[in-house]
Structure formats: structure tokens, C-alpha cells
């Protein structure tokens, strides 16, 4: 049986802690991460959180993107520890 994009996104978050649109495209071939996240949140009822991040692109411009993660995951615990430092 073929796995769906949302199943692959969920497994990726479970395996690696979080996912960005670049991760989804590069590692999963998913060009519509936000659609997969929407389905996981609204159709499957999962508590998926997001945090805004920024980085420089190849032209030196600052760009923003979201990193998605499962609530209660080790990734969320690491974020909270960093906030408390």
C-alpha cells in the first residue's frame, strides 16, 4: 500500500522531531507541506505546533519560514529548554 504525503510528513516529524517546507521538498518530494499539516491537524486531530524561523537566502536576504512539530515531542521540550536559558 502506498503511503500518503500526510503519513510521510507525520513519520518524518516522529523520526526527526520537526519539518520545514525545504525538508518536505528535499526529503519527501512534498511541495505542499502546509496542506499536509492542515489535514493532520483538522482531519486527523493531531496537535501540531509551529514556530517561525528566519535565515539568509543565497542573495543575502532574510527569509522567514515555519518549522512544524508535534506537541509534546522531544523537539518541543528542547525549545522550552532554550527559552529558559
N, C-alpha and C. Protein backbone atom coordinates (compact mmCIF):
# COMPACT_ATOMS: atom_id res chain seq x y z
N UNK A 1 0.84 -1.19 0.00
CA UNK A 1 0.00 0.00 0.00
C UNK A 1 0.89 1.26 0.00
N UNK A 2 0.56 2.21 -0.81
CA UNK A 2 1.31 3.45 -0.95
C UNK A 2 1.00 4.39 0.21
N UNK A 3 2.02 5.03 0.76
CA UNK A 3 1.79 5.98 1.85
C UNK A 3 1.45 7.34 1.26
N UNK A 4 0.64 8.09 1.99
CA UNK A 4 0.24 9.42 1.54
C UNK A 4 1.25 10.46 2.01
N UNK A 5 1.14 11.65 1.44
CA UNK A 5 2.02 12.74 1.86
C UNK A 5 1.88 13.01 3.36
N UNK A 6 0.64 13.04 3.84
CA UNK A 6 0.46 13.36 5.27
C UNK A 6 1.04 12.27 6.16
N UNK A 7 0.96 11.00 5.74
CA UNK A 7 1.57 9.92 6.52
C UNK A 7 3.09 10.06 6.54
N UNK A 8 3.66 10.44 5.41
CA UNK A 8 5.10 10.63 5.34
C UNK A 8 5.54 11.82 6.20
N UNK A 9 4.76 12.90 6.17
CA UNK A 9 5.08 14.08 6.99
C UNK A 9 5.02 13.72 8.47
N UNK A 10 4.00 12.99 8.88
CA UNK A 10 3.87 12.58 10.28
C UNK A 10 5.06 11.71 10.69
N UNK A 11 5.41 10.74 9.87
CA UNK A 11 6.55 9.86 10.19
C UNK A 11 7.84 10.68 10.27
N UNK A 12 8.01 11.64 9.37
CA UNK A 12 9.21 12.48 9.38
C UNK A 12 9.31 13.25 10.69
N UNK A 13 8.20 13.83 11.14
CA UNK A 13 8.21 14.56 12.41
C UNK A 13 8.50 13.63 13.58
N UNK A 14 7.96 12.44 13.54
CA UNK A 14 8.22 11.46 14.60
C UNK A 14 9.69 11.04 14.60
N UNK A 15 10.26 10.85 13.42
CA UNK A 15 11.64 10.38 13.30
C UNK A 15 12.67 11.48 13.55
N UNK A 16 12.40 12.69 13.07
CA UNK A 16 13.39 13.77 13.11
C UNK A 16 13.02 14.94 14.02
N UNK A 17 11.83 14.92 14.59
CA UNK A 17 11.43 15.95 15.55
C UNK A 17 10.66 17.11 14.98
N UNK A 18 10.99 17.52 13.75
CA UNK A 18 10.31 18.66 13.15
C UNK A 18 10.50 18.60 11.64
N UNK A 19 9.78 19.50 10.94
CA UNK A 19 9.88 19.54 9.48
C UNK A 19 9.66 20.96 9.00
N UNK A 20 10.37 21.35 7.95
CA UNK A 20 10.17 22.62 7.26
C UNK A 20 9.77 22.32 5.82
N UNK A 21 9.36 23.35 5.09
CA UNK A 21 8.99 23.13 3.69
C UNK A 21 10.19 22.64 2.87
N UNK A 22 11.39 23.10 3.20
CA UNK A 22 12.58 22.62 2.49
C UNK A 22 12.81 21.14 2.78
N UNK A 23 12.67 20.73 4.04
CA UNK A 23 12.79 19.31 4.39
C UNK A 23 11.78 18.48 3.61
N UNK A 24 10.54 18.95 3.58
CA UNK A 24 9.46 18.21 2.92
C UNK A 24 9.74 18.05 1.43
N UNK A 25 10.22 19.12 0.80
CA UNK A 25 10.51 19.05 -0.63
C UNK A 25 11.71 18.17 -0.91
N UNK A 26 12.78 18.41 -0.18
CA UNK A 26 14.04 17.70 -0.42
C UNK A 26 13.94 16.22 -0.07
N UNK A 27 13.38 15.91 1.09
CA UNK A 27 13.40 14.53 1.58
C UNK A 27 12.16 13.71 1.22
N UNK A 28 11.02 14.39 1.01
CA UNK A 28 9.78 13.66 0.77
C UNK A 28 9.16 13.93 -0.59
N UNK A 29 9.67 14.94 -1.31
CA UNK A 29 9.07 15.29 -2.59
C UNK A 29 7.72 15.97 -2.43
N UNK A 30 7.46 16.50 -1.25
CA UNK A 30 6.18 17.15 -0.95
C UNK A 30 6.34 18.66 -1.15
N UNK A 31 5.60 19.19 -2.12
CA UNK A 31 5.67 20.63 -2.40
C UNK A 31 4.56 21.40 -1.72
N UNK A 32 3.69 20.71 -0.98
CA UNK A 32 2.57 21.37 -0.31
C UNK A 32 2.51 20.96 1.16
N UNK A 33 3.58 21.26 1.88
CA UNK A 33 3.65 20.88 3.29
C UNK A 33 2.49 21.45 4.09
N UNK A 34 2.15 22.71 3.86
CA UNK A 34 1.07 23.32 4.65
C UNK A 34 -0.25 22.58 4.46
N UNK A 35 -0.50 22.04 3.28
CA UNK A 35 -1.72 21.26 3.05
C UNK A 35 -1.69 19.96 3.85
N UNK A 36 -0.54 19.31 3.89
CA UNK A 36 -0.40 18.07 4.67
C UNK A 36 -0.58 18.36 6.16
N UNK A 37 -0.01 19.47 6.63
CA UNK A 37 -0.15 19.86 8.04
C UNK A 37 -1.61 20.15 8.35
N UNK A 38 -2.30 20.84 7.45
CA UNK A 38 -3.72 21.16 7.66
C UNK A 38 -4.52 19.87 7.81
N UNK A 39 -4.28 18.89 6.94
CA UNK A 39 -5.00 17.62 7.03
C UNK A 39 -4.72 16.91 8.35
N UNK A 40 -3.45 16.88 8.75
CA UNK A 40 -3.09 16.22 10.01
C UNK A 40 -3.76 16.91 11.20
N UNK A 41 -3.85 18.24 11.15
CA UNK A 41 -4.47 18.99 12.25
C UNK A 41 -5.99 18.84 12.24
N UNK A 42 -6.61 19.08 11.09
CA UNK A 42 -8.07 19.18 11.04
C UNK A 42 -8.80 17.88 10.73
N UNK A 43 -8.20 17.03 9.97
CA UNK A 43 -8.85 15.75 9.65
C UNK A 43 -8.46 14.65 10.63
N UNK A 44 -7.21 14.64 11.07
CA UNK A 44 -6.72 13.60 11.97
C UNK A 44 -6.69 14.04 13.42
N UNK A 45 -6.90 15.34 13.67
CA UNK A 45 -6.98 15.85 15.05
C UNK A 45 -5.66 15.90 15.79
N UNK A 46 -4.53 15.92 15.08
CA UNK A 46 -3.23 15.97 15.75
C UNK A 46 -2.90 17.39 16.20
N UNK A 47 -2.23 17.49 17.32
CA UNK A 47 -1.81 18.77 17.85
C UNK A 47 -0.41 19.07 17.31
N UNK A 48 -0.38 19.79 16.21
CA UNK A 48 0.88 20.14 15.56
C UNK A 48 1.11 21.63 15.76
N UNK A 49 2.25 21.96 16.29
CA UNK A 49 2.60 23.35 16.55
C UNK A 49 3.60 23.82 15.52
N UNK A 50 3.77 25.14 15.46
CA UNK A 50 4.73 25.70 14.51
C UNK A 50 5.46 26.86 15.17
N UNK A 51 6.66 27.08 14.69
CA UNK A 51 7.47 28.19 15.15
C UNK A 51 8.06 28.86 13.90
N UNK A 52 8.02 30.19 13.89
CA UNK A 52 8.58 30.93 12.77
C UNK A 52 10.09 31.04 12.94
N UNK A 53 10.80 30.79 11.85
CA UNK A 53 12.25 30.92 11.84
C UNK A 53 12.65 31.79 10.66
N UNK A 54 13.86 32.28 10.69
CA UNK A 54 14.37 33.06 9.56
C UNK A 54 15.82 32.69 9.29
N UNK A 55 16.21 32.89 8.05
CA UNK A 55 17.58 32.60 7.62
C UNK A 55 17.87 33.47 6.40
N UNK A 56 19.11 33.50 6.02
CA UNK A 56 19.51 34.25 4.83
C UNK A 56 19.41 33.33 3.61
N UNK A 57 18.92 33.89 2.50
CA UNK A 57 18.91 33.11 1.27
C UNK A 57 20.20 33.35 0.50
N UNK A 58 20.31 32.78 -0.67
CA UNK A 58 21.56 32.87 -1.44
C UNK A 58 21.92 34.30 -1.85
N UNK A 59 20.95 35.21 -1.78
CA UNK A 59 21.20 36.60 -2.15
C UNK A 59 21.46 37.48 -0.93
N UNK A 60 21.48 36.86 0.24
CA UNK A 60 21.72 37.61 1.46
C UNK A 60 20.48 38.23 2.07
N UNK A 61 19.32 37.97 1.49
CA UNK A 61 18.07 38.49 2.03
C UNK A 61 17.59 37.60 3.16
N UNK A 62 16.96 38.18 4.15
CA UNK A 62 16.38 37.41 5.24
C UNK A 62 15.01 36.89 4.79
N UNK A 63 14.81 35.60 4.93
CA UNK A 63 13.54 34.97 4.57
C UNK A 63 12.98 34.25 5.80
N UNK A 64 11.67 34.18 5.89
CA UNK A 64 11.01 33.52 7.02
C UNK A 64 10.29 32.26 6.54
N UNK A 65 10.20 31.30 7.44
CA UNK A 65 9.52 30.04 7.15
C UNK A 65 9.07 29.44 8.47
N UNK A 66 8.20 28.43 8.40
CA UNK A 66 7.72 27.76 9.60
C UNK A 66 8.38 26.40 9.76
N UNK A 67 8.61 26.03 11.01
CA UNK A 67 9.05 24.69 11.38
C UNK A 67 7.89 24.08 12.16
N UNK A 68 7.41 22.93 11.73
CA UNK A 68 6.27 22.25 12.36
C UNK A 68 6.78 21.10 13.22
N UNK A 69 6.09 20.86 14.33
CA UNK A 69 6.45 19.76 15.22
C UNK A 69 5.23 19.30 16.00
N UNK A 70 5.28 18.08 16.50
CA UNK A 70 4.19 17.52 17.29
C UNK A 70 4.25 18.04 18.71
N UNK A 71 3.11 18.44 19.24
CA UNK A 71 3.04 18.88 20.63
C UNK A 71 3.45 17.73 21.53
N UNK A 72 4.25 18.04 22.55
CA UNK A 72 4.71 17.03 23.49
C UNK A 72 5.93 16.25 23.02
N UNK A 73 6.45 16.60 21.85
CA UNK A 73 7.61 15.87 21.31
C UNK A 73 8.89 16.33 21.99
N UNK A 74 9.95 15.57 21.77
CA UNK A 74 11.26 15.95 22.29
C UNK A 74 11.69 17.30 21.73
N UNK A 75 11.31 17.59 20.48
CA UNK A 75 11.66 18.88 19.88
C UNK A 75 11.04 20.02 20.68
N UNK A 76 9.78 19.87 21.07
CA UNK A 76 9.11 20.90 21.86
C UNK A 76 9.81 21.08 23.22
N UNK A 77 10.22 20.00 23.81
CA UNK A 77 10.94 20.07 25.09
C UNK A 77 12.25 20.83 24.94
N UNK A 78 12.96 20.59 23.83
CA UNK A 78 14.21 21.30 23.56
C UNK A 78 13.97 22.79 23.39
N UNK A 79 12.88 23.15 22.68
CA UNK A 79 12.55 24.56 22.52
C UNK A 79 12.30 25.24 23.85
N UNK A 80 11.58 24.57 24.73
CA UNK A 80 11.27 25.15 26.04
C UNK A 80 12.53 25.31 26.88
N UNK A 81 13.46 24.36 26.76
CA UNK A 81 14.71 24.47 27.50
C UNK A 81 15.52 25.68 27.01
N UNK A 82 15.53 25.90 25.68
CA UNK A 82 16.25 27.04 25.12
C UNK A 82 15.62 28.36 25.58
N UNK A 83 14.30 28.39 25.68
CA UNK A 83 13.61 29.59 26.14
C UNK A 83 13.96 29.93 27.58
N UNK A 84 14.22 28.90 28.38
CA UNK A 84 14.50 29.11 29.80
C UNK A 84 15.96 29.42 30.08
N UNK A 85 16.82 29.37 29.07
CA UNK A 85 18.24 29.66 29.28
C UNK A 85 18.49 31.14 29.45
